[in-house]
Amino acid sequence: MTVTDTDVPGVRLIEPVRHSDARGSFMEGWHRARYREEAGLPADFVQDNVSFSKQGVLRGLHYQHPQAQGKLVSVLKGNVFDVAVDLRPDSPAFKAWTASRLSRENGRQLYVPEGCAHGFLALTDALVQYKCTAYYAPACDRTLAWDDPAFTVDWPLAELSRSAPVLSEKDAAAPTFAEAPSETLPGRSGASGS
């Protein structure tokens, strides 16, 4: 596998080895020992989630606090523009973002560590899987505005001939970083999982 560090500490782009022939292809999407040794990922994920999004849907920017989650994101069908935003106040990349295009065809995965928000824009209809390091905790579920001026994520909406994405009610009502209560942000409340 090829592992590339991004500009956001701990966010890693992973390209597993793919074996292709006339039948199609095969790759390991997770191998605990190999991913720990070669990619430096946590040894254990406790929950897998799968979402289907229609083209133009944007999910995010999501994170949990406290009870933070790391996520290993893979695309099973389609193409997405996948984003991680660093919310860790002690990080040299605080409020910075990084993105990668993930697809079934390229097989890339993005690891988003605890303390970062995650979101993606479906460039086509897309089936996305993410392995999580902590269980989903509804009371800790947080969202920040996808178009937050504190981050200025350059979402490729123009490629879809759209000025705005399709959002859930929750994502559409999300606060900006400046509006979010301090106790809902990593590193602010002193709670575990910061």
N, C-alpha and C. Protein backbone atom coordinates (compact mmCIF):
# COMPACT_ATOMS: atom_id res chain seq x y z
N MET A 1 0.84 -1.18 0.00
CA MET A 1 0.00 0.00 0.00
C MET A 1 0.88 1.24 0.00
N THR A 2 0.31 2.32 -0.50
CA THR A 2 0.98 3.60 -0.48
C THR A 2 0.26 4.49 0.52
N VAL A 3 1.00 5.12 1.42
CA VAL A 3 0.43 6.00 2.44
C VAL A 3 1.04 7.38 2.26
N THR A 4 0.18 8.38 2.13
CA THR A 4 0.63 9.75 1.94
C THR A 4 0.10 10.62 3.07
N ASP A 5 1.01 11.28 3.79
CA ASP A 5 0.59 12.25 4.80
C ASP A 5 0.10 13.50 4.09
N THR A 6 -0.93 14.11 4.63
CA THR A 6 -1.47 15.35 4.08
C THR A 6 -0.94 16.53 4.88
N ASP A 7 -1.41 17.72 4.55
CA ASP A 7 -1.00 18.92 5.28
C ASP A 7 -1.63 19.00 6.67
N VAL A 8 -2.64 18.17 6.93
CA VAL A 8 -3.27 18.12 8.25
C VAL A 8 -2.69 16.92 9.00
N PRO A 9 -2.00 17.14 10.12
CA PRO A 9 -1.37 16.03 10.84
C PRO A 9 -2.36 14.91 11.16
N GLY A 10 -1.94 13.69 10.85
CA GLY A 10 -2.76 12.52 11.15
C GLY A 10 -3.73 12.13 10.06
N VAL A 11 -4.04 13.05 9.15
CA VAL A 11 -4.92 12.72 8.02
C VAL A 11 -4.04 12.07 6.96
N ARG A 12 -4.39 10.84 6.60
CA ARG A 12 -3.56 10.08 5.67
C ARG A 12 -4.39 9.58 4.49
N LEU A 13 -3.80 9.70 3.30
CA LEU A 13 -4.39 9.14 2.09
C LEU A 13 -3.75 7.78 1.88
N ILE A 14 -4.58 6.76 1.77
CA ILE A 14 -4.10 5.38 1.66
C ILE A 14 -4.54 4.81 0.32
N GLU A 15 -3.59 4.20 -0.38
CA GLU A 15 -3.89 3.54 -1.65
C GLU A 15 -3.51 2.08 -1.51
N PRO A 16 -4.49 1.22 -1.20
CA PRO A 16 -4.21 -0.20 -1.06
C PRO A 16 -3.76 -0.81 -2.39
N VAL A 17 -3.03 -1.91 -2.29
CA VAL A 17 -2.64 -2.64 -3.49
C VAL A 17 -3.88 -3.29 -4.09
N ARG A 18 -4.06 -3.09 -5.39
CA ARG A 18 -5.21 -3.67 -6.08
C ARG A 18 -4.71 -4.70 -7.08
N HIS A 19 -5.35 -5.84 -7.10
CA HIS A 19 -5.02 -6.91 -8.04
C HIS A 19 -6.15 -6.98 -9.06
N SER A 20 -5.82 -6.75 -10.34
CA SER A 20 -6.83 -6.71 -11.39
C SER A 20 -6.54 -7.76 -12.45
N ASP A 21 -7.60 -8.29 -13.02
CA ASP A 21 -7.49 -9.19 -14.17
C ASP A 21 -8.79 -9.10 -14.96
N ALA A 22 -9.00 -10.02 -15.88
CA ALA A 22 -10.17 -9.97 -16.75
C ALA A 22 -11.49 -10.08 -15.98
N ARG A 23 -11.45 -10.64 -14.78
CA ARG A 23 -12.67 -10.79 -13.98
C ARG A 23 -13.08 -9.52 -13.28
N GLY A 24 -12.11 -8.63 -13.01
CA GLY A 24 -12.35 -7.44 -12.22
C GLY A 24 -11.15 -7.16 -11.34
N SER A 25 -11.39 -6.87 -10.07
CA SER A 25 -10.27 -6.56 -9.18
C SER A 25 -10.55 -7.01 -7.76
N PHE A 26 -9.46 -7.04 -6.97
CA PHE A 26 -9.53 -7.41 -5.56
C PHE A 26 -8.54 -6.55 -4.79
N MET A 27 -8.95 -6.10 -3.60
CA MET A 27 -8.03 -5.40 -2.72
C MET A 27 -8.48 -5.59 -1.29
N GLU A 28 -7.55 -5.48 -0.36
CA GLU A 28 -7.89 -5.51 1.06
C GLU A 28 -8.29 -4.11 1.48
N GLY A 29 -9.51 -3.97 1.99
CA GLY A 29 -9.99 -2.68 2.46
C GLY A 29 -9.59 -2.40 3.89
N TRP A 30 -9.18 -3.43 4.61
CA TRP A 30 -8.72 -3.28 6.00
C TRP A 30 -7.99 -4.55 6.39
N HIS A 31 -6.80 -4.39 6.92
CA HIS A 31 -6.00 -5.48 7.46
C HIS A 31 -5.36 -4.90 8.71
N ARG A 32 -5.84 -5.31 9.87
CA ARG A 32 -5.47 -4.67 11.12
C ARG A 32 -3.96 -4.52 11.30
N ALA A 33 -3.21 -5.60 11.16
CA ALA A 33 -1.77 -5.52 11.38
C ALA A 33 -1.08 -4.64 10.34
N ARG A 34 -1.45 -4.81 9.08
CA ARG A 34 -0.79 -4.05 8.01
C ARG A 34 -1.11 -2.55 8.11
N TYR A 35 -2.37 -2.22 8.34
CA TYR A 35 -2.74 -0.81 8.43
C TYR A 35 -2.12 -0.15 9.66
N ARG A 36 -1.97 -0.91 10.71
CA ARG A 36 -1.32 -0.35 11.91
C ARG A 36 0.16 -0.12 11.64
N GLU A 37 0.82 -1.12 11.05
CA GLU A 37 2.26 -1.03 10.82
C GLU A 37 2.61 -0.05 9.70
N GLU A 38 1.93 -0.15 8.57
CA GLU A 38 2.31 0.64 7.40
C GLU A 38 1.66 2.02 7.34
N ALA A 39 0.46 2.15 7.91
CA ALA A 39 -0.25 3.43 7.82
C ALA A 39 -0.36 4.14 9.17
N GLY A 40 0.03 3.44 10.25
CA GLY A 40 -0.03 4.05 11.57
C GLY A 40 -1.44 4.27 12.08
N LEU A 41 -2.38 3.46 11.61
CA LEU A 41 -3.77 3.62 12.02
C LEU A 41 -4.05 2.84 13.30
N PRO A 42 -5.12 3.23 14.02
CA PRO A 42 -5.49 2.48 15.23
C PRO A 42 -5.73 1.01 14.89
N ALA A 43 -5.45 0.17 15.84
CA ALA A 43 -5.60 -1.27 15.61
C ALA A 43 -7.06 -1.70 15.57
N ASP A 44 -7.93 -0.95 16.20
CA ASP A 44 -9.31 -1.40 16.30
C ASP A 44 -10.30 -0.35 15.86
N PHE A 45 -11.20 -0.77 15.00
CA PHE A 45 -12.39 0.02 14.67
C PHE A 45 -13.56 -0.73 15.28
N VAL A 46 -14.55 -0.01 15.76
CA VAL A 46 -15.65 -0.65 16.49
C VAL A 46 -16.98 -0.58 15.77
N GLN A 47 -17.08 0.24 14.72
CA GLN A 47 -18.35 0.38 14.02
C GLN A 47 -18.09 0.71 12.56
N ASP A 48 -18.84 0.07 11.67
CA ASP A 48 -18.81 0.40 10.24
C ASP A 48 -20.13 1.07 9.88
N ASN A 49 -20.05 2.15 9.12
CA ASN A 49 -21.24 2.83 8.62
C ASN A 49 -21.18 2.85 7.10
N VAL A 50 -22.34 2.79 6.46
CA VAL A 50 -22.44 2.88 5.01
C VAL A 50 -23.53 3.88 4.69
N SER A 51 -23.22 4.86 3.85
CA SER A 51 -24.24 5.83 3.43
C SER A 51 -24.33 5.84 1.91
N PHE A 52 -25.53 6.04 1.41
CA PHE A 52 -25.74 6.26 -0.02
C PHE A 52 -26.15 7.71 -0.21
N SER A 53 -25.48 8.39 -1.11
CA SER A 53 -25.79 9.80 -1.38
C SER A 53 -25.97 10.00 -2.88
N LYS A 54 -27.00 10.74 -3.23
CA LYS A 54 -27.21 11.09 -4.63
C LYS A 54 -26.24 12.19 -5.03
N GLN A 55 -25.98 12.28 -6.33
CA GLN A 55 -25.09 13.31 -6.84
C GLN A 55 -25.53 14.69 -6.34
N GLY A 56 -24.57 15.47 -5.87
CA GLY A 56 -24.86 16.82 -5.38
C GLY A 56 -25.12 16.91 -3.90
N VAL A 57 -25.23 15.76 -3.22
CA VAL A 57 -25.44 15.76 -1.77
C VAL A 57 -24.12 16.04 -1.07
N LEU A 58 -24.17 16.89 -0.07
CA LEU A 58 -23.01 17.15 0.78
C LEU A 58 -23.38 16.74 2.20
N ARG A 59 -22.56 15.89 2.77
CA ARG A 59 -22.73 15.47 4.17
C ARG A 59 -21.57 16.05 4.97
N GLY A 60 -21.91 16.85 5.98
CA GLY A 60 -20.84 17.41 6.80
C GLY A 60 -21.10 18.87 7.12
N LEU A 61 -20.20 19.33 7.86
CA LEU A 61 -18.96 18.79 8.41
C LEU A 61 -19.25 18.17 9.77
N HIS A 62 -19.05 16.87 9.93
CA HIS A 62 -19.46 16.13 11.11
C HIS A 62 -18.26 15.72 11.97
N TYR A 63 -18.51 15.66 13.27
CA TYR A 63 -17.53 15.15 14.24
C TYR A 63 -18.27 14.82 15.52
N GLN A 64 -17.61 14.10 16.42
CA GLN A 64 -18.16 13.83 17.74
C GLN A 64 -17.27 14.47 18.79
N HIS A 65 -17.92 15.08 19.79
CA HIS A 65 -17.19 15.64 20.93
C HIS A 65 -18.14 15.72 22.11
N PRO A 66 -17.74 15.21 23.26
CA PRO A 66 -16.59 14.31 23.45
C PRO A 66 -16.87 12.96 22.77
N GLN A 67 -16.17 11.94 23.14
CA GLN A 67 -16.25 10.62 22.50
C GLN A 67 -15.93 10.73 21.01
N ALA A 68 -14.78 11.33 20.73
CA ALA A 68 -14.35 11.57 19.36
C ALA A 68 -14.18 10.27 18.59
N GLN A 69 -14.33 10.36 17.28
CA GLN A 69 -14.17 9.21 16.39
C GLN A 69 -13.08 9.50 15.36
N GLY A 70 -12.23 8.52 15.11
CA GLY A 70 -11.42 8.51 13.92
C GLY A 70 -12.19 7.73 12.87
N LYS A 71 -11.99 8.06 11.59
CA LYS A 71 -12.74 7.39 10.52
C LYS A 71 -11.81 7.01 9.38
N LEU A 72 -11.99 5.81 8.87
CA LEU A 72 -11.33 5.37 7.65
C LEU A 72 -12.41 5.32 6.57
N VAL A 73 -12.31 6.23 5.61
CA VAL A 73 -13.37 6.43 4.62
C VAL A 73 -12.99 5.77 3.30
N SER A 74 -13.93 4.99 2.75
CA SER A 74 -13.75 4.32 1.47
C SER A 74 -15.01 4.50 0.63
N VAL A 75 -14.86 4.50 -0.68
CA VAL A 75 -16.01 4.59 -1.57
C VAL A 75 -16.22 3.24 -2.24
N LEU A 76 -17.41 2.69 -2.08
CA LEU A 76 -17.74 1.39 -2.66
C LEU A 76 -18.34 1.52 -4.04
N LYS A 77 -18.96 2.68 -4.32
CA LYS A 77 -19.54 2.95 -5.63
C LYS A 77 -19.57 4.45 -5.83
N GLY A 78 -19.15 4.91 -7.01
CA GLY A 78 -19.22 6.32 -7.33
C GLY A 78 -17.96 7.09 -6.99
N ASN A 79 -18.12 8.42 -6.87
CA ASN A 79 -16.99 9.33 -6.64
C ASN A 79 -17.41 10.41 -5.64
N VAL A 80 -16.50 10.74 -4.72
CA VAL A 80 -16.76 11.82 -3.77
C VAL A 80 -15.53 12.71 -3.63
N PHE A 81 -15.78 13.94 -3.21
CA PHE A 81 -14.75 14.89 -2.80
C PHE A 81 -14.78 14.85 -1.29
N ASP A 82 -13.77 14.22 -0.68
CA ASP A 82 -13.77 13.93 0.75
C ASP A 82 -12.88 14.93 1.49
N VAL A 83 -13.39 15.48 2.59
CA VAL A 83 -12.73 16.59 3.27
C VAL A 83 -12.53 16.30 4.76
N ALA A 84 -11.38 16.68 5.28
CA ALA A 84 -11.11 16.67 6.72
C ALA A 84 -10.69 18.07 7.12
N VAL A 85 -11.28 18.57 8.22
CA VAL A 85 -10.96 19.90 8.75
C VAL A 85 -10.40 19.72 10.16
N ASP A 86 -9.25 20.30 10.43
CA ASP A 86 -8.58 20.15 11.72
C ASP A 86 -9.22 21.10 12.74
N LEU A 87 -9.83 20.52 13.78
CA LEU A 87 -10.46 21.31 14.85
C LEU A 87 -9.64 21.31 16.13
N ARG A 88 -8.45 20.75 16.09
CA ARG A 88 -7.61 20.63 17.29
C ARG A 88 -6.84 21.93 17.52
N PRO A 89 -7.15 22.67 18.60
CA PRO A 89 -6.52 23.97 18.79
C PRO A 89 -5.00 23.92 18.98
N ASP A 90 -4.46 22.77 19.39
CA ASP A 90 -3.01 22.66 19.58
C ASP A 90 -2.30 22.15 18.32
N SER A 91 -3.03 21.97 17.24
CA SER A 91 -2.44 21.47 15.99
C SER A 91 -1.84 22.61 15.19
N PRO A 92 -0.70 22.38 14.52
CA PRO A 92 -0.14 23.42 13.65
C PRO A 92 -1.03 23.70 12.44
N ALA A 93 -2.00 22.82 12.19
CA ALA A 93 -2.91 22.99 11.06
C ALA A 93 -4.32 23.36 11.53
N PHE A 94 -4.44 23.91 12.72
CA PHE A 94 -5.75 24.27 13.28
C PHE A 94 -6.56 25.08 12.27
N LYS A 95 -7.76 24.62 12.00
CA LYS A 95 -8.74 25.20 11.06
C LYS A 95 -8.36 24.99 9.59
N ALA A 96 -7.28 24.27 9.33
CA ALA A 96 -6.92 23.97 7.94
C ALA A 96 -7.71 22.75 7.47
N TRP A 97 -7.82 22.61 6.16
CA TRP A 97 -8.54 21.47 5.61
C TRP A 97 -7.68 20.81 4.53
N THR A 98 -8.00 19.56 4.28
CA THR A 98 -7.39 18.82 3.19
C THR A 98 -8.49 18.00 2.54
N ALA A 99 -8.31 17.68 1.28
CA ALA A 99 -9.34 16.94 0.55
C ALA A 99 -8.69 15.95 -0.41
N SER A 100 -9.45 14.94 -0.74
CA SER A 100 -9.03 13.95 -1.72
C SER A 100 -10.25 13.44 -2.46
N ARG A 101 -10.06 13.10 -3.70
CA ARG A 101 -11.13 12.48 -4.47
C ARG A 101 -11.03 10.97 -4.29
N LEU A 102 -12.07 10.41 -3.74
CA LEU A 102 -12.13 8.97 -3.51
C LEU A 102 -13.17 8.38 -4.45
N SER A 103 -12.85 7.21 -4.99
CA SER A 103 -13.80 6.53 -5.88
C SER A 103 -13.59 5.03 -5.81
N ARG A 104 -14.58 4.31 -6.31
CA ARG A 104 -14.42 2.87 -6.40
C ARG A 104 -13.27 2.56 -7.35
N GLU A 105 -13.16 3.35 -8.42
CA GLU A 105 -12.14 3.10 -9.43
C GLU A 105 -10.73 3.29 -8.87
N ASN A 106 -10.49 4.36 -8.11
CA ASN A 106 -9.11 4.58 -7.64
C ASN A 106 -8.81 3.84 -6.33
N GLY A 107 -9.84 3.38 -5.62
CA GLY A 107 -9.63 2.58 -4.41
C GLY A 107 -9.02 3.32 -3.24
N ARG A 108 -8.84 4.62 -3.35
CA ARG A 108 -8.21 5.38 -2.27
C ARG A 108 -9.09 5.41 -1.02
N GLN A 109 -8.43 5.56 0.12
CA GLN A 109 -9.10 5.71 1.41
C GLN A 109 -8.51 6.93 2.10
N LEU A 110 -9.33 7.59 2.91
CA LEU A 110 -8.84 8.72 3.69
C LEU A 110 -9.06 8.41 5.16
N TYR A 111 -7.98 8.51 5.94
CA TYR A 111 -8.11 8.36 7.38
C TYR A 111 -8.23 9.75 8.00
N VAL A 112 -9.32 9.96 8.75
CA VAL A 112 -9.60 11.23 9.43
C VAL A 112 -9.49 10.97 10.93
N PRO A 113 -8.48 11.53 11.60
CA PRO A 113 -8.28 11.22 13.02
C PRO A 113 -9.26 11.95 13.93
N GLU A 114 -9.29 11.50 15.18
CA GLU A 114 -10.09 12.17 16.20
C GLU A 114 -9.69 13.64 16.26
N GLY A 115 -10.67 14.50 16.47
CA GLY A 115 -10.41 15.93 16.55
C GLY A 115 -10.54 16.67 15.24
N CYS A 116 -10.85 15.93 14.17
CA CYS A 116 -11.09 16.55 12.87
C CYS A 116 -12.54 16.35 12.48
N ALA A 117 -13.09 17.34 11.78
CA ALA A 117 -14.43 17.21 11.21
C ALA A 117 -14.29 16.56 9.83
N HIS A 118 -15.34 15.87 9.41
CA HIS A 118 -15.33 15.16 8.14
C HIS A 118 -16.58 15.50 7.34
N GLY A 119 -16.41 15.59 6.04
CA GLY A 119 -17.54 15.79 5.16
C GLY A 119 -17.19 15.36 3.75
N PHE A 120 -18.21 15.15 2.93
CA PHE A 120 -17.94 14.84 1.53
C PHE A 120 -19.06 15.34 0.64
N LEU A 121 -18.70 15.64 -0.60
CA LEU A 121 -19.63 16.02 -1.65
C LEU A 121 -19.68 14.87 -2.64
N ALA A 122 -20.89 14.36 -2.91
CA ALA A 122 -21.05 13.27 -3.87
C ALA A 122 -20.97 13.84 -5.28
N LEU A 123 -19.92 13.49 -6.00
CA LEU A 123 -19.73 13.95 -7.38
C LEU A 123 -20.56 13.12 -8.35
N THR A 124 -20.92 11.92 -7.93
CA THR A 124 -21.86 11.04 -8.62
C THR A 124 -22.71 10.42 -7.52
N ASP A 125 -23.71 9.63 -7.87
CA ASP A 125 -24.35 8.82 -6.84
C ASP A 125 -23.23 8.00 -6.19
N ALA A 126 -23.23 7.92 -4.87
CA ALA A 126 -22.07 7.31 -4.21
C ALA A 126 -22.47 6.51 -2.98
N LEU A 127 -21.82 5.36 -2.84
CA LEU A 127 -21.96 4.50 -1.67
C LEU A 127 -20.64 4.59 -0.90
N VAL A 128 -20.71 5.13 0.32
CA VAL A 128 -19.50 5.42 1.10
C VAL A 128 -19.51 4.60 2.38
N GLN A 129 -18.37 3.99 2.69
CA GLN A 129 -18.22 3.23 3.93
C GLN A 129 -17.19 3.93 4.80
N TYR A 130 -17.50 4.03 6.10
CA TYR A 130 -16.48 4.53 7.02
C TYR A 130 -16.44 3.69 8.27
N LYS A 131 -15.22 3.29 8.58
CA LYS A 131 -14.93 2.52 9.78
C LYS A 131 -14.61 3.53 10.88
N CYS A 132 -15.18 3.33 12.07
CA CYS A 132 -15.05 4.32 13.15
C CYS A 132 -14.34 3.72 14.36
N THR A 133 -13.53 4.55 15.03
CA THR A 133 -12.78 4.11 16.20
C THR A 133 -13.59 4.19 17.49
N ALA A 134 -14.76 4.82 17.44
CA ALA A 134 -15.66 4.90 18.60
C ALA A 134 -17.09 4.74 18.10
N TYR A 135 -17.94 4.25 18.98
CA TYR A 135 -19.34 4.07 18.62
C TYR A 135 -20.01 5.42 18.41
N TYR A 136 -21.03 5.43 17.56
CA TYR A 136 -21.84 6.62 17.37
C TYR A 136 -22.50 6.97 18.69
N ALA A 137 -22.39 8.22 19.10
CA ALA A 137 -22.97 8.70 20.35
C ALA A 137 -23.84 9.91 20.01
N PRO A 138 -25.17 9.72 19.90
CA PRO A 138 -26.04 10.82 19.48
C PRO A 138 -25.87 12.10 20.28
N ALA A 139 -25.63 11.98 21.59
CA ALA A 139 -25.48 13.18 22.43
C ALA A 139 -24.18 13.94 22.13
N CYS A 140 -23.25 13.28 21.44
CA CYS A 140 -21.95 13.91 21.13
C CYS A 140 -21.83 14.27 19.65
N ASP A 141 -22.88 14.02 18.88
CA ASP A 141 -22.88 14.27 17.44
C ASP A 141 -22.89 15.77 17.18
N ARG A 142 -21.91 16.25 16.41
CA ARG A 142 -21.78 17.69 16.13
C ARG A 142 -21.64 17.93 14.63
N THR A 143 -22.07 19.11 14.22
CA THR A 143 -21.96 19.52 12.82
C THR A 143 -21.57 20.98 12.75
N LEU A 144 -20.68 21.31 11.82
CA LEU A 144 -20.34 22.70 11.51
C LEU A 144 -20.73 22.98 10.07
N ALA A 145 -21.00 24.24 9.77
CA ALA A 145 -21.46 24.64 8.44
C ALA A 145 -20.45 24.25 7.36
N TRP A 146 -20.96 23.67 6.30
CA TRP A 146 -20.12 23.22 5.18
C TRP A 146 -19.39 24.39 4.52
N ASP A 147 -19.99 25.58 4.57
CA ASP A 147 -19.42 26.76 3.93
C ASP A 147 -18.86 27.76 4.94
N ASP A 148 -18.40 27.26 6.07
CA ASP A 148 -17.88 28.09 7.15
C ASP A 148 -16.72 28.95 6.65
N PRO A 149 -16.80 30.28 6.81
CA PRO A 149 -15.70 31.13 6.35
C PRO A 149 -14.40 30.94 7.14
N ALA A 150 -14.47 30.28 8.29
CA ALA A 150 -13.24 29.99 9.05
C ALA A 150 -12.39 28.94 8.34
N PHE A 151 -13.01 28.15 7.47
CA PHE A 151 -12.29 27.06 6.80
C PHE A 151 -12.11 27.31 5.30
N THR A 152 -13.06 27.94 4.67
CA THR A 152 -13.07 28.21 3.22
C THR A 152 -12.73 26.97 2.38
N VAL A 153 -13.44 25.88 2.66
CA VAL A 153 -13.25 24.66 1.86
C VAL A 153 -13.69 24.96 0.42
N ASP A 154 -12.86 24.58 -0.53
CA ASP A 154 -13.13 24.83 -1.94
C ASP A 154 -13.88 23.63 -2.54
N TRP A 155 -15.17 23.53 -2.20
CA TRP A 155 -16.00 22.43 -2.70
C TRP A 155 -16.16 22.57 -4.22
N PRO A 156 -16.00 21.50 -4.99
CA PRO A 156 -16.09 21.60 -6.45
C PRO A 156 -17.53 21.57 -6.98
N LEU A 157 -18.35 22.48 -6.48
CA LEU A 157 -19.76 22.53 -6.89
C LEU A 157 -19.91 22.89 -8.36
N ALA A 158 -18.99 23.71 -8.88
CA ALA A 158 -19.08 24.12 -10.29
C ALA A 158 -19.02 22.92 -11.23
N GLU A 159 -18.29 21.87 -10.82
CA GLU A 159 -18.22 20.66 -11.65
C GLU A 159 -19.59 20.02 -11.83
N LEU A 160 -20.47 20.28 -10.87
CA LEU A 160 -21.82 19.72 -10.91
C LEU A 160 -22.83 20.75 -11.40
N SER A 161 -22.34 21.90 -11.85
CA SER A 161 -23.20 23.01 -12.28
C SER A 161 -24.18 23.40 -11.19
N ARG A 162 -23.67 23.48 -9.97
CA ARG A 162 -24.50 23.83 -8.81
C ARG A 162 -23.85 24.99 -8.07
N SER A 163 -24.70 25.83 -7.48
CA SER A 163 -24.18 26.90 -6.63
C SER A 163 -24.24 26.50 -5.16
N ALA A 164 -25.07 25.49 -4.86
CA ALA A 164 -25.19 24.99 -3.49
C ALA A 164 -25.46 23.49 -3.53
N PRO A 165 -25.02 22.78 -2.50
CA PRO A 165 -25.26 21.33 -2.46
C PRO A 165 -26.64 21.01 -1.92
N VAL A 166 -27.01 19.75 -2.00
CA VAL A 166 -28.21 19.24 -1.34
C VAL A 166 -27.79 18.86 0.07
N LEU A 167 -28.51 19.40 1.07
CA LEU A 167 -28.15 19.20 2.47
C LEU A 167 -29.32 18.63 3.26
N SER A 168 -29.02 17.91 4.32
CA SER A 168 -30.05 17.52 5.28
C SER A 168 -30.47 18.78 6.04
N GLU A 169 -31.62 18.71 6.71
CA GLU A 169 -32.05 19.85 7.53
C GLU A 169 -31.02 20.16 8.60
N LYS A 170 -30.48 19.11 9.20
CA LYS A 170 -29.49 19.29 10.27
C LYS A 170 -28.24 19.99 9.75
N ASP A 171 -27.73 19.53 8.61
CA ASP A 171 -26.52 20.14 8.06
C ASP A 171 -26.78 21.58 7.60
N ALA A 172 -27.97 21.84 7.06
CA ALA A 172 -28.31 23.19 6.60
C ALA A 172 -28.39 24.17 7.77
N ALA A 173 -28.74 23.68 8.96
CA ALA A 173 -28.88 24.54 10.14
C ALA A 173 -27.62 24.59 11.00
N ALA A 174 -26.55 23.95 10.56
CA ALA A 174 -25.33 23.86 11.38
C ALA A 174 -24.71 25.23 11.63
N PRO A 175 -24.18 25.44 12.83
CA PRO A 175 -23.50 26.70 13.12
C PRO A 175 -22.13 26.76 12.46
N THR A 176 -21.60 27.96 12.36
CA THR A 176 -20.21 28.11 11.96
C THR A 176 -19.33 27.82 13.17
N PHE A 177 -18.04 27.73 12.95
CA PHE A 177 -17.09 27.53 14.04
C PHE A 177 -17.24 28.66 15.07
N ALA A 178 -17.37 29.89 14.61
CA ALA A 178 -17.48 31.04 15.51
C ALA A 178 -18.77 31.01 16.32
N GLU A 179 -19.83 30.41 15.76
CA GLU A 179 -21.13 30.36 16.44
C GLU A 179 -21.28 29.16 17.37
N ALA A 180 -20.46 28.13 17.17
CA ALA A 180 -20.61 26.89 17.93
C ALA A 180 -20.28 27.12 19.41
N PRO A 181 -21.10 26.57 20.32
CA PRO A 181 -20.78 26.68 21.74
C PRO A 181 -19.42 26.04 22.03
N SER A 182 -18.61 26.68 22.85
CA SER A 182 -17.25 26.20 23.08
C SER A 182 -17.20 24.77 23.60
N GLU A 183 -18.20 24.37 24.40
CA GLU A 183 -18.17 23.01 24.94
C GLU A 183 -18.40 21.93 23.88
N THR A 184 -18.81 22.33 22.67
CA THR A 184 -19.03 21.35 21.60
C THR A 184 -17.81 21.20 20.69
N LEU A 185 -16.75 21.94 20.97
CA LEU A 185 -15.56 21.92 20.12
C LEU A 185 -14.41 21.19 20.80
N PRO A 186 -13.63 20.39 20.05
CA PRO A 186 -12.50 19.68 20.63
C PRO A 186 -11.52 20.63 21.32
N GLY A 187 -11.02 20.20 22.48
CA GLY A 187 -10.00 20.96 23.18
C GLY A 187 -10.52 22.16 23.96
N ARG A 188 -11.84 22.34 24.01
CA ARG A 188 -12.38 23.53 24.67
C ARG A 188 -12.97 23.24 26.04
N SER A 189 -13.59 22.04 26.20
CA SER A 189 -14.33 21.79 27.44
C SER A 189 -13.56 20.99 28.47
N GLY A 190 -12.40 20.45 28.08
CA GLY A 190 -11.63 19.62 29.00
C GLY A 190 -12.17 18.21 29.12
N ALA A 191 -13.19 17.87 28.32
CA ALA A 191 -13.76 16.53 28.35
C ALA A 191 -12.85 15.57 27.61
N SER A 192 -12.98 14.29 27.92
CA SER A 192 -12.17 13.29 27.23
C SER A 192 -12.60 13.24 25.78
N GLY A 193 -11.70 12.79 24.91
CA GLY A 193 -11.99 12.71 23.49
C GLY A 193 -11.65 14.00 22.77
N SER A 194 -11.01 14.93 23.45
CA SER A 194 -10.66 16.20 22.82
C SER A 194 -9.56 16.00 21.82
